ModelCIF file with pLDDT and N, C-alpha, C, O atoms, coordinates in Angstrom:
data_MODEL
#
_entry.id   MODEL 
#
_entity.id                         1 
_entity.type                       polymer 
_entity.pdbx_number_of_molecules   1 
#
_entity_poly.entity_id                      1 
_entity_poly.type                           'polypeptide(L)' 
_entity_poly.nstd_linkage                   no 
_entity_poly.nstd_monomer                   no 
_entity_poly.pdbx_seq_one_letter_code       
;(UNK)(UNK)(UNK)(UNK)(UNK)(UNK)(UNK)(UNK)(UNK)(UNK)(UNK)(UNK)(UNK)(UNK)(UNK)(UNK)
(UNK)(UNK)(UNK)(UNK)(UNK)(UNK)(UNK)(UNK)(UNK)(UNK)(UNK)(UNK)(UNK)(UNK)(UNK)(UNK)
(UNK)(UNK)(UNK)(UNK)(UNK)(UNK)(UNK)(UNK)(UNK)(UNK)(UNK)(UNK)(UNK)(UNK)
;
_entity_poly.pdbx_seq_one_letter_code_can   XXXXXXXXXXXXXXXXXXXXXXXXXXXXXXXXXXXXXXXXXXXXXX 
_entity_poly.pdbx_strand_id                 A 
#
loop_
_entity_poly_seq.entity_id 
_entity_poly_seq.num 
_entity_poly_seq.mon_id 
_entity_poly_seq.hetero 
1 1  UNK n 
1 2  UNK n 
1 3  UNK n 
1 4  UNK n 
1 5  UNK n 
1 6  UNK n 
1 7  UNK n 
1 8  UNK n 
1 9  UNK n 
1 10 UNK n 
1 11 UNK n 
1 12 UNK n 
1 13 UNK n 
1 14 UNK n 
1 15 UNK n 
1 16 UNK n 
1 17 UNK n 
1 18 UNK n 
1 19 UNK n 
1 20 UNK n 
1 21 UNK n 
1 22 UNK n 
1 23 UNK n 
1 24 UNK n 
1 25 UNK n 
1 26 UNK n 
1 27 UNK n 
1 28 UNK n 
1 29 UNK n 
1 30 UNK n 
1 31 UNK n 
1 32 UNK n 
1 33 UNK n 
1 34 UNK n 
1 35 UNK n 
1 36 UNK n 
1 37 UNK n 
1 38 UNK n 
1 39 UNK n 
1 40 UNK n 
1 41 UNK n 
1 42 UNK n 
1 43 UNK n 
1 44 UNK n 
1 45 UNK n 
1 46 UNK n 
#
_struct_asym.id          A 
_struct_asym.entity_id   1 
#
loop_
_ma_qa_metric.id 
_ma_qa_metric.mode 
_ma_qa_metric.name 
_ma_qa_metric.software_group_id 
_ma_qa_metric.type 
1 global pLDDT . pLDDT 
2 local  pLDDT . pLDDT 
#
_ma_qa_metric_global.metric_id      1 
_ma_qa_metric_global.metric_value   94.43 
_ma_qa_metric_global.model_id       1 
_ma_qa_metric_global.ordinal_id     1 
#
loop_
_ma_qa_metric_local.label_asym_id 
_ma_qa_metric_local.label_comp_id 
_ma_qa_metric_local.label_seq_id 
_ma_qa_metric_local.metric_id 
_ma_qa_metric_local.metric_value 
_ma_qa_metric_local.model_id 
_ma_qa_metric_local.ordinal_id 
A UNK 1  2 91.00 1 1  
A UNK 2  2 93.00 1 2  
A UNK 3  2 90.00 1 3  
A UNK 4  2 90.00 1 4  
A UNK 5  2 94.00 1 5  
A UNK 6  2 95.00 1 6  
A UNK 7  2 96.00 1 7  
A UNK 8  2 97.00 1 8  
A UNK 9  2 97.00 1 9  
A UNK 10 2 98.00 1 10 
A UNK 11 2 98.00 1 11 
A UNK 12 2 98.00 1 12 
A UNK 13 2 98.00 1 13 
A UNK 14 2 97.00 1 14 
A UNK 15 2 95.00 1 15 
A UNK 16 2 93.00 1 16 
A UNK 17 2 90.00 1 17 
A UNK 18 2 89.00 1 18 
A UNK 19 2 93.00 1 19 
A UNK 20 2 94.00 1 20 
A UNK 21 2 95.00 1 21 
A UNK 22 2 96.00 1 22 
A UNK 23 2 96.00 1 23 
A UNK 24 2 96.00 1 24 
A UNK 25 2 97.00 1 25 
A UNK 26 2 97.00 1 26 
A UNK 27 2 97.00 1 27 
A UNK 28 2 97.00 1 28 
A UNK 29 2 96.00 1 29 
A UNK 30 2 95.00 1 30 
A UNK 31 2 89.00 1 31 
A UNK 32 2 83.00 1 32 
A UNK 33 2 83.00 1 33 
A UNK 34 2 88.00 1 34 
A UNK 35 2 96.00 1 35 
A UNK 36 2 98.00 1 36 
A UNK 37 2 98.00 1 37 
A UNK 38 2 98.00 1 38 
A UNK 39 2 98.00 1 39 
A UNK 40 2 97.00 1 40 
A UNK 41 2 96.00 1 41 
A UNK 42 2 93.00 1 42 
A UNK 43 2 93.00 1 43 
A UNK 44 2 96.00 1 44 
A UNK 45 2 94.00 1 45 
A UNK 46 2 96.00 1 46 
#
loop_
_atom_site.group_PDB 
_atom_site.id 
_atom_site.type_symbol 
_atom_site.label_atom_id 
_atom_site.label_alt_id 
_atom_site.label_comp_id 
_atom_site.label_asym_id 
_atom_site.label_entity_id 
_atom_site.label_seq_id 
_atom_site.pdbx_PDB_ins_code 
_atom_site.Cartn_x 
_atom_site.Cartn_y 
_atom_site.Cartn_z 
_atom_site.occupancy 
_atom_site.B_iso_or_equiv 
_atom_site.pdbx_formal_charge 
_atom_site.auth_seq_id 
_atom_site.auth_comp_id 
_atom_site.auth_asym_id 
_atom_site.auth_atom_id 
_atom_site.pdbx_PDB_model_num 
ATOM 1   N N  . UNK A 1 1  ? 0.849  -1.181  0.014   1.00 91.00 ? 1  UNK A N  1 
ATOM 2   C CA . UNK A 1 1  ? 0.020  0.003   -0.006  1.00 91.00 ? 1  UNK A CA 1 
ATOM 3   C C  . UNK A 1 1  ? 0.882  1.258   0.003   1.00 91.00 ? 1  UNK A C  1 
ATOM 4   O O  . UNK A 1 1  ? 1.839  1.363   0.770   1.00 91.00 ? 1  UNK A O  1 
ATOM 5   N N  . UNK A 1 2  ? 0.532  2.209   -0.858  1.00 93.00 ? 2  UNK A N  1 
ATOM 6   C CA . UNK A 1 2  ? 1.220  3.474   -0.897  1.00 93.00 ? 2  UNK A CA 1 
ATOM 7   C C  . UNK A 1 2  ? 0.283  4.610   -0.439  1.00 93.00 ? 2  UNK A C  1 
ATOM 8   O O  . UNK A 1 2  ? -0.931 4.566   -0.642  1.00 93.00 ? 2  UNK A O  1 
ATOM 9   N N  . UNK A 1 3  ? 0.899  5.629   0.188   1.00 90.00 ? 3  UNK A N  1 
ATOM 10  C CA . UNK A 1 3  ? 0.062  6.774   0.620   1.00 90.00 ? 3  UNK A CA 1 
ATOM 11  C C  . UNK A 1 3  ? -0.263 7.637   -0.566  1.00 90.00 ? 3  UNK A C  1 
ATOM 12  O O  . UNK A 1 3  ? 0.260  7.429   -1.661  1.00 90.00 ? 3  UNK A O  1 
ATOM 13  N N  . UNK A 1 4  ? -1.131 8.614   -0.352  1.00 90.00 ? 4  UNK A N  1 
ATOM 14  C CA . UNK A 1 4  ? -1.643 9.439   -1.468  1.00 90.00 ? 4  UNK A CA 1 
ATOM 15  C C  . UNK A 1 4  ? -0.552 10.340  -2.050  1.00 90.00 ? 4  UNK A C  1 
ATOM 16  O O  . UNK A 1 4  ? -0.717 10.827  -3.169  1.00 90.00 ? 4  UNK A O  1 
ATOM 17  N N  . UNK A 1 5  ? 0.554  10.582  -1.341  1.00 94.00 ? 5  UNK A N  1 
ATOM 18  C CA . UNK A 1 5  ? 1.617  11.428  -1.836  1.00 94.00 ? 5  UNK A CA 1 
ATOM 19  C C  . UNK A 1 5  ? 2.560  10.690  -2.758  1.00 94.00 ? 5  UNK A C  1 
ATOM 20  O O  . UNK A 1 5  ? 3.245  11.305  -3.575  1.00 94.00 ? 5  UNK A O  1 
ATOM 21  N N  . UNK A 1 6  ? 2.600  9.382   -2.635  1.00 95.00 ? 6  UNK A N  1 
ATOM 22  C CA . UNK A 1 6  ? 3.558  8.583   -3.400  1.00 95.00 ? 6  UNK A CA 1 
ATOM 23  C C  . UNK A 1 6  ? 3.235  8.600   -4.877  1.00 95.00 ? 6  UNK A C  1 
ATOM 24  O O  . UNK A 1 6  ? 2.076  8.709   -5.279  1.00 95.00 ? 6  UNK A O  1 
ATOM 25  N N  . UNK A 1 7  ? 4.290  8.488   -5.684  1.00 96.00 ? 7  UNK A N  1 
ATOM 26  C CA . UNK A 1 7  ? 4.143  8.515   -7.146  1.00 96.00 ? 7  UNK A CA 1 
ATOM 27  C C  . UNK A 1 7  ? 4.149  7.086   -7.694  1.00 96.00 ? 7  UNK A C  1 
ATOM 28  O O  . UNK A 1 7  ? 4.784  6.184   -7.148  1.00 96.00 ? 7  UNK A O  1 
ATOM 29  N N  . UNK A 1 8  ? 3.433  6.925   -8.771  1.00 97.00 ? 8  UNK A N  1 
ATOM 30  C CA . UNK A 1 8  ? 3.372  5.662   -9.476  1.00 97.00 ? 8  UNK A CA 1 
ATOM 31  C C  . UNK A 1 8  ? 4.073  5.811   -10.850 1.00 97.00 ? 8  UNK A C  1 
ATOM 32  O O  . UNK A 1 8  ? 4.081  6.897   -11.428 1.00 97.00 ? 8  UNK A O  1 
ATOM 33  N N  . UNK A 1 9  ? 4.658  4.714   -11.361 1.00 97.00 ? 9  UNK A N  1 
ATOM 34  C CA . UNK A 1 9  ? 4.686  3.383   -10.765 1.00 97.00 ? 9  UNK A CA 1 
ATOM 35  C C  . UNK A 1 9  ? 5.807  3.290   -9.725  1.00 97.00 ? 9  UNK A C  1 
ATOM 36  O O  . UNK A 1 9  ? 6.694  4.140   -9.640  1.00 97.00 ? 9  UNK A O  1 
ATOM 37  N N  . UNK A 1 10 ? 5.718  2.225   -8.950  1.00 98.00 ? 10 UNK A N  1 
ATOM 38  C CA . UNK A 1 10 ? 6.806  1.868   -7.994  1.00 98.00 ? 10 UNK A CA 1 
ATOM 39  C C  . UNK A 1 10 ? 7.238  0.430   -8.324  1.00 98.00 ? 10 UNK A C  1 
ATOM 40  O O  . UNK A 1 10 ? 6.500  -0.321  -8.961  1.00 98.00 ? 10 UNK A O  1 
ATOM 41  N N  . UNK A 1 11 ? 8.447  0.065   -7.879  1.00 98.00 ? 11 UNK A N  1 
ATOM 42  C CA . UNK A 1 11 ? 9.035  -1.200  -8.296  1.00 98.00 ? 11 UNK A CA 1 
ATOM 43  C C  . UNK A 1 11 ? 9.528  -2.003  -7.086  1.00 98.00 ? 11 UNK A C  1 
ATOM 44  O O  . UNK A 1 11 ? 9.913  -1.443  -6.059  1.00 98.00 ? 11 UNK A O  1 
ATOM 45  N N  . UNK A 1 12 ? 9.501  -3.367  -7.245  1.00 98.00 ? 12 UNK A N  1 
ATOM 46  C CA . UNK A 1 12 ? 9.840  -4.242  -6.168  1.00 98.00 ? 12 UNK A CA 1 
ATOM 47  C C  . UNK A 1 12 ? 10.536 -5.513  -6.687  1.00 98.00 ? 12 UNK A C  1 
ATOM 48  O O  . UNK A 1 12 ? 10.200 -6.003  -7.765  1.00 98.00 ? 12 UNK A O  1 
ATOM 49  N N  . UNK A 1 13 ? 11.499 -6.043  -5.927  1.00 98.00 ? 13 UNK A N  1 
ATOM 50  C CA . UNK A 1 13 ? 11.923 -7.405  -6.104  1.00 98.00 ? 13 UNK A CA 1 
ATOM 51  C C  . UNK A 1 13 ? 10.906 -8.314  -5.424  1.00 98.00 ? 13 UNK A C  1 
ATOM 52  O O  . UNK A 1 13 ? 10.390 -7.996  -4.352  1.00 98.00 ? 13 UNK A O  1 
ATOM 53  N N  . UNK A 1 14 ? 10.625 -9.456  -6.066  1.00 97.00 ? 14 UNK A N  1 
ATOM 54  C CA . UNK A 1 14 ? 9.762  -10.456 -5.455  1.00 97.00 ? 14 UNK A CA 1 
ATOM 55  C C  . UNK A 1 14 ? 10.460 -11.791 -5.565  1.00 97.00 ? 14 UNK A C  1 
ATOM 56  O O  . UNK A 1 14 ? 10.836 -12.224 -6.654  1.00 97.00 ? 14 UNK A O  1 
ATOM 57  N N  . UNK A 1 15 ? 10.633 -12.445 -4.419  1.00 95.00 ? 15 UNK A N  1 
ATOM 58  C CA . UNK A 1 15 ? 11.121 -13.828 -4.411  1.00 95.00 ? 15 UNK A CA 1 
ATOM 59  C C  . UNK A 1 15 ? 10.034 -14.657 -3.735  1.00 95.00 ? 15 UNK A C  1 
ATOM 60  O O  . UNK A 1 15 ? 9.657  -14.416 -2.589  1.00 95.00 ? 15 UNK A O  1 
ATOM 61  N N  . UNK A 1 16 ? 9.537  -15.654 -4.495  1.00 93.00 ? 16 UNK A N  1 
ATOM 62  C CA . UNK A 1 16 ? 8.450  -16.501 -4.004  1.00 93.00 ? 16 UNK A CA 1 
ATOM 63  C C  . UNK A 1 16 ? 8.682  -17.902 -4.381  1.00 93.00 ? 16 UNK A C  1 
ATOM 64  O O  . UNK A 1 16 ? 9.005  -18.198 -5.531  1.00 93.00 ? 16 UNK A O  1 
ATOM 65  N N  . UNK A 1 17 ? 8.523  -18.803 -3.418  1.00 90.00 ? 17 UNK A N  1 
ATOM 66  C CA . UNK A 1 17 ? 8.610  -20.252 -3.728  1.00 90.00 ? 17 UNK A CA 1 
ATOM 67  C C  . UNK A 1 17 ? 7.212  -20.824 -3.996  1.00 90.00 ? 17 UNK A C  1 
ATOM 68  O O  . UNK A 1 17 ? 7.023  -22.040 -3.993  1.00 90.00 ? 17 UNK A O  1 
ATOM 69  N N  . UNK A 1 18 ? 6.247  -19.948 -4.225  1.00 89.00 ? 18 UNK A N  1 
ATOM 70  C CA . UNK A 1 18 ? 4.878  -20.367 -4.571  1.00 89.00 ? 18 UNK A CA 1 
ATOM 71  C C  . UNK A 1 18 ? 4.428  -19.685 -5.839  1.00 89.00 ? 18 UNK A C  1 
ATOM 72  O O  . UNK A 1 18 ? 4.939  -18.624 -6.200  1.00 89.00 ? 18 UNK A O  1 
ATOM 73  N N  . UNK A 1 19 ? 3.463  -20.300 -6.522  1.00 93.00 ? 19 UNK A N  1 
ATOM 74  C CA . UNK A 1 19 ? 2.867  -19.615 -7.653  1.00 93.00 ? 19 UNK A CA 1 
ATOM 75  C C  . UNK A 1 19 ? 2.104  -18.392 -7.170  1.00 93.00 ? 19 UNK A C  1 
ATOM 76  O O  . UNK A 1 19 ? 1.615  -18.381 -6.040  1.00 93.00 ? 19 UNK A O  1 
ATOM 77  N N  . UNK A 1 20 ? 1.996  -17.388 -7.979  1.00 94.00 ? 20 UNK A N  1 
ATOM 78  C CA . UNK A 1 20 ? 1.328  -16.169 -7.536  1.00 94.00 ? 20 UNK A CA 1 
ATOM 79  C C  . UNK A 1 20 ? 0.696  -15.471 -8.698  1.00 94.00 ? 20 UNK A C  1 
ATOM 80  O O  . UNK A 1 20 ? 1.042  -15.721 -9.852  1.00 94.00 ? 20 UNK A O  1 
ATOM 81  N N  . UNK A 1 21 ? -0.238 -14.587 -8.395  1.00 95.00 ? 21 UNK A N  1 
ATOM 82  C CA . UNK A 1 21 ? -0.792 -13.642 -9.381  1.00 95.00 ? 21 UNK A CA 1 
ATOM 83  C C  . UNK A 1 21 ? -0.767 -12.289 -8.744  1.00 95.00 ? 21 UNK A C  1 
ATOM 84  O O  . UNK A 1 21 ? -0.596 -12.185 -7.530  1.00 95.00 ? 21 UNK A O  1 
ATOM 85  N N  . UNK A 1 22 ? -0.938 -11.200 -9.554  1.00 96.00 ? 22 UNK A N  1 
ATOM 86  C CA . UNK A 1 22 ? -0.826 -9.842  -9.061  1.00 96.00 ? 22 UNK A CA 1 
ATOM 87  C C  . UNK A 1 22 ? -2.048 -9.039  -9.465  1.00 96.00 ? 22 UNK A C  1 
ATOM 88  O O  . UNK A 1 22 ? -2.515 -9.097  -10.602 1.00 96.00 ? 22 UNK A O  1 
ATOM 89  N N  . UNK A 1 23 ? -2.540 -8.301  -8.512  1.00 96.00 ? 23 UNK A N  1 
ATOM 90  C CA . UNK A 1 23 ? -3.611 -7.304  -8.782  1.00 96.00 ? 23 UNK A CA 1 
ATOM 91  C C  . UNK A 1 23 ? -3.103 -5.932  -8.410  1.00 96.00 ? 23 UNK A C  1 
ATOM 92  O O  . UNK A 1 23 ? -2.575 -5.732  -7.316  1.00 96.00 ? 23 UNK A O  1 
ATOM 93  N N  . UNK A 1 24 ? -3.261 -4.987  -9.317  1.00 96.00 ? 24 UNK A N  1 
ATOM 94  C CA . UNK A 1 24 ? -2.751 -3.612  -9.094  1.00 96.00 ? 24 UNK A CA 1 
ATOM 95  C C  . UNK A 1 24 ? -1.308 -3.464  -9.490  1.00 96.00 ? 24 UNK A C  1 
ATOM 96  O O  . UNK A 1 24 ? -0.671 -2.457  -9.179  1.00 96.00 ? 24 UNK A O  1 
ATOM 97  N N  . UNK A 1 25 ? -0.788 -4.456  -10.173 1.00 97.00 ? 25 UNK A N  1 
ATOM 98  C CA . UNK A 1 25 ? 0.610  -4.376  -10.633 1.00 97.00 ? 25 UNK A CA 1 
ATOM 99  C C  . UNK A 1 25 ? 0.847  -5.392  -11.729 1.00 97.00 ? 25 UNK A C  1 
ATOM 100 O O  . UNK A 1 25 ? -0.067 -6.089  -12.170 1.00 97.00 ? 25 UNK A O  1 
ATOM 101 N N  . UNK A 1 26 ? 2.127  -5.458  -12.169 1.00 97.00 ? 26 UNK A N  1 
ATOM 102 C CA . UNK A 1 26 ? 2.473  -6.323  -13.277 1.00 97.00 ? 26 UNK A CA 1 
ATOM 103 C C  . UNK A 1 26 ? 3.871  -6.905  -13.103 1.00 97.00 ? 26 UNK A C  1 
ATOM 104 O O  . UNK A 1 26 ? 4.797  -6.218  -12.673 1.00 97.00 ? 26 UNK A O  1 
ATOM 105 N N  . UNK A 1 27 ? 4.001  -8.149  -13.434 1.00 97.00 ? 27 UNK A N  1 
ATOM 106 C CA . UNK A 1 27 ? 5.314  -8.823  -13.482 1.00 97.00 ? 27 UNK A CA 1 
ATOM 107 C C  . UNK A 1 27 ? 6.020  -8.359  -14.724 1.00 97.00 ? 27 UNK A C  1 
ATOM 108 O O  . UNK A 1 27 ? 5.533  -8.624  -15.823 1.00 97.00 ? 27 UNK A O  1 
ATOM 109 N N  . UNK A 1 28 ? 7.164  -7.667  -14.613 1.00 97.00 ? 28 UNK A N  1 
ATOM 110 C CA . UNK A 1 28 ? 7.858  -7.186  -15.816 1.00 97.00 ? 28 UNK A CA 1 
ATOM 111 C C  . UNK A 1 28 ? 9.179  -7.934  -16.080 1.00 97.00 ? 28 UNK A C  1 
ATOM 112 O O  . UNK A 1 28 ? 9.811  -7.742  -17.118 1.00 97.00 ? 28 UNK A O  1 
ATOM 113 N N  . UNK A 1 29 ? 9.582  -8.785  -15.130 1.00 96.00 ? 29 UNK A N  1 
ATOM 114 C CA . UNK A 1 29 ? 10.841 -9.517  -15.368 1.00 96.00 ? 29 UNK A CA 1 
ATOM 115 C C  . UNK A 1 29 ? 10.888 -10.733 -14.433 1.00 96.00 ? 29 UNK A C  1 
ATOM 116 O O  . UNK A 1 29 ? 10.442 -10.670 -13.288 1.00 96.00 ? 29 UNK A O  1 
ATOM 117 N N  . UNK A 1 30 ? 11.428 -11.819 -14.938 1.00 95.00 ? 30 UNK A N  1 
ATOM 118 C CA . UNK A 1 30 ? 11.626 -13.025 -14.064 1.00 95.00 ? 30 UNK A CA 1 
ATOM 119 C C  . UNK A 1 30 ? 12.814 -13.803 -14.606 1.00 95.00 ? 30 UNK A C  1 
ATOM 120 O O  . UNK A 1 30 ? 12.896 -14.079 -15.803 1.00 95.00 ? 30 UNK A O  1 
ATOM 121 N N  . UNK A 1 31 ? 13.712 -14.144 -13.735 1.00 89.00 ? 31 UNK A N  1 
ATOM 122 C CA . UNK A 1 31 ? 14.891 -14.923 -14.110 1.00 89.00 ? 31 UNK A CA 1 
ATOM 123 C C  . UNK A 1 31 ? 15.408 -15.708 -12.866 1.00 89.00 ? 31 UNK A C  1 
ATOM 124 O O  . UNK A 1 31 ? 15.740 -15.125 -11.834 1.00 89.00 ? 31 UNK A O  1 
ATOM 125 N N  . UNK A 1 32 ? 15.457 -16.988 -13.010 1.00 83.00 ? 32 UNK A N  1 
ATOM 126 C CA . UNK A 1 32 ? 16.000 -17.849 -11.944 1.00 83.00 ? 32 UNK A CA 1 
ATOM 127 C C  . UNK A 1 32 ? 15.334 -17.597 -10.592 1.00 83.00 ? 32 UNK A C  1 
ATOM 128 O O  . UNK A 1 32 ? 15.992 -17.624 -9.553  1.00 83.00 ? 32 UNK A O  1 
ATOM 129 N N  . UNK A 1 33 ? 14.034 -17.353 -10.615 1.00 83.00 ? 33 UNK A N  1 
ATOM 130 C CA . UNK A 1 33 ? 13.301 -17.195 -9.400  1.00 83.00 ? 33 UNK A CA 1 
ATOM 131 C C  . UNK A 1 33 ? 13.234 -15.787 -8.840  1.00 83.00 ? 33 UNK A C  1 
ATOM 132 O O  . UNK A 1 33 ? 12.533 -15.550 -7.857  1.00 83.00 ? 33 UNK A O  1 
ATOM 133 N N  . UNK A 1 34 ? 13.948 -14.847 -9.444  1.00 88.00 ? 34 UNK A N  1 
ATOM 134 C CA . UNK A 1 34 ? 13.887 -13.430 -9.013  1.00 88.00 ? 34 UNK A CA 1 
ATOM 135 C C  . UNK A 1 34 ? 12.952 -12.680 -9.939  1.00 88.00 ? 34 UNK A C  1 
ATOM 136 O O  . UNK A 1 34 ? 13.156 -12.693 -11.153 1.00 88.00 ? 34 UNK A O  1 
ATOM 137 N N  . UNK A 1 35 ? 11.939 -12.029 -9.407  1.00 96.00 ? 35 UNK A N  1 
ATOM 138 C CA . UNK A 1 35 ? 11.000 -11.299 -10.182 1.00 96.00 ? 35 UNK A CA 1 
ATOM 139 C C  . UNK A 1 35 ? 11.100 -9.789  -9.921  1.00 96.00 ? 35 UNK A C  1 
ATOM 140 O O  . UNK A 1 35 ? 11.495 -9.370  -8.833  1.00 96.00 ? 35 UNK A O  1 
ATOM 141 N N  . UNK A 1 36 ? 10.754 -9.004  -10.887 1.00 98.00 ? 36 UNK A N  1 
ATOM 142 C CA . UNK A 1 36 ? 10.626 -7.559  -10.702 1.00 98.00 ? 36 UNK A CA 1 
ATOM 143 C C  . UNK A 1 36 ? 9.181  -7.208  -11.005 1.00 98.00 ? 36 UNK A C  1 
ATOM 144 O O  . UNK A 1 36 ? 8.637  -7.572  -12.048 1.00 98.00 ? 36 UNK A O  1 
ATOM 145 N N  . UNK A 1 37 ? 8.588  -6.507  -10.088 1.00 98.00 ? 37 UNK A N  1 
ATOM 146 C CA . UNK A 1 37 ? 7.160  -6.121  -10.197 1.00 98.00 ? 37 UNK A CA 1 
ATOM 147 C C  . UNK A 1 37 ? 7.007  -4.640  -10.351 1.00 98.00 ? 37 UNK A C  1 
ATOM 148 O O  . UNK A 1 37 ? 7.670  -3.885  -9.639  1.00 98.00 ? 37 UNK A O  1 
ATOM 149 N N  . UNK A 1 38 ? 6.168  -4.187  -11.243 1.00 98.00 ? 38 UNK A N  1 
ATOM 150 C CA . UNK A 1 38 ? 5.784  -2.799  -11.379 1.00 98.00 ? 38 UNK A CA 1 
ATOM 151 C C  . UNK A 1 38 ? 4.452  -2.615  -10.730 1.00 98.00 ? 38 UNK A C  1 
ATOM 152 O O  . UNK A 1 38 ? 3.474  -3.258  -11.114 1.00 98.00 ? 38 UNK A O  1 
ATOM 153 N N  . UNK A 1 39 ? 4.394  -1.738  -9.740  1.00 98.00 ? 39 UNK A N  1 
ATOM 154 C CA . UNK A 1 39 ? 3.153  -1.428  -9.012  1.00 98.00 ? 39 UNK A CA 1 
ATOM 155 C C  . UNK A 1 39 ? 2.476  -0.256  -9.718  1.00 98.00 ? 39 UNK A C  1 
ATOM 156 O O  . UNK A 1 39 ? 3.057  0.821   -9.855  1.00 98.00 ? 39 UNK A O  1 
ATOM 157 N N  . UNK A 1 40 ? 1.228  -0.483  -10.167 1.00 97.00 ? 40 UNK A N  1 
ATOM 158 C CA . UNK A 1 40 ? 0.521  0.538   -10.998 1.00 97.00 ? 40 UNK A CA 1 
ATOM 159 C C  . UNK A 1 40 ? -0.601 1.216   -10.221 1.00 97.00 ? 40 UNK A C  1 
ATOM 160 O O  . UNK A 1 40 ? -1.069 2.272   -10.646 1.00 97.00 ? 40 UNK A O  1 
ATOM 161 N N  . UNK A 1 41 ? -1.041 0.669   -9.132  1.00 96.00 ? 41 UNK A N  1 
ATOM 162 C CA . UNK A 1 41 ? -2.096 1.280   -8.364  1.00 96.00 ? 41 UNK A CA 1 
ATOM 163 C C  . UNK A 1 41 ? -1.630 1.394   -6.943  1.00 96.00 ? 41 UNK A C  1 
ATOM 164 O O  . UNK A 1 41 ? -0.658 0.749   -6.550  1.00 96.00 ? 41 UNK A O  1 
ATOM 165 N N  . UNK A 1 42 ? -2.330 2.229   -6.139  1.00 93.00 ? 42 UNK A N  1 
ATOM 166 C CA . UNK A 1 42 ? -1.832 2.519   -4.800  1.00 93.00 ? 42 UNK A CA 1 
ATOM 167 C C  . UNK A 1 42 ? -1.989 1.352   -3.835  1.00 93.00 ? 42 UNK A C  1 
ATOM 168 O O  . UNK A 1 42 ? -1.379 1.329   -2.766  1.00 93.00 ? 42 UNK A O  1 
ATOM 169 N N  . UNK A 1 43 ? -2.817 0.379   -4.227  1.00 93.00 ? 43 UNK A N  1 
ATOM 170 C CA . UNK A 1 43 ? -2.871 -0.852  -3.471  1.00 93.00 ? 43 UNK A CA 1 
ATOM 171 C C  . UNK A 1 43 ? -2.620 -2.032  -4.405  1.00 93.00 ? 43 UNK A C  1 
ATOM 172 O O  . UNK A 1 43 ? -3.328 -2.211  -5.396  1.00 93.00 ? 43 UNK A O  1 
ATOM 173 N N  . UNK A 1 44 ? -1.639 -2.808  -4.092  1.00 96.00 ? 44 UNK A N  1 
ATOM 174 C CA . UNK A 1 44 ? -1.309 -3.958  -4.928  1.00 96.00 ? 44 UNK A CA 1 
ATOM 175 C C  . UNK A 1 44 ? -1.364 -5.203  -4.070  1.00 96.00 ? 44 UNK A C  1 
ATOM 176 O O  . UNK A 1 44 ? -0.941 -5.179  -2.914  1.00 96.00 ? 44 UNK A O  1 
ATOM 177 N N  . UNK A 1 45 ? -1.879 -6.285  -4.615  1.00 94.00 ? 45 UNK A N  1 
ATOM 178 C CA . UNK A 1 45 ? -1.935 -7.566  -3.896  1.00 94.00 ? 45 UNK A CA 1 
ATOM 179 C C  . UNK A 1 45 ? -1.184 -8.622  -4.685  1.00 94.00 ? 45 UNK A C  1 
ATOM 180 O O  . UNK A 1 45 ? -1.403 -8.795  -5.884  1.00 94.00 ? 45 UNK A O  1 
ATOM 181 N N  . UNK A 1 46 ? -0.306 -9.316  -4.007  1.00 96.00 ? 46 UNK A N  1 
ATOM 182 C CA . UNK A 1 46 ? 0.312  -10.520 -4.586  1.00 96.00 ? 46 UNK A CA 1 
ATOM 183 C C  . UNK A 1 46 ? -0.444 -11.692 -3.986  1.00 96.00 ? 46 UNK A C  1 
ATOM 184 O O  . UNK A 1 46 ? -0.140 -12.845 -4.293  1.00 96.00 ? 46 UNK A O  1 
#
């Protein structure tokens, strides 16, 4: 969750040993288990 002052998009590393889907964001890169996520809305759920 981002506050109202924060700017979009925001970015994150994601390491997960489970399958996942994303709401409010997008998977933009994956290699050897390391993912990069672009957050497009102020609330994102993995």
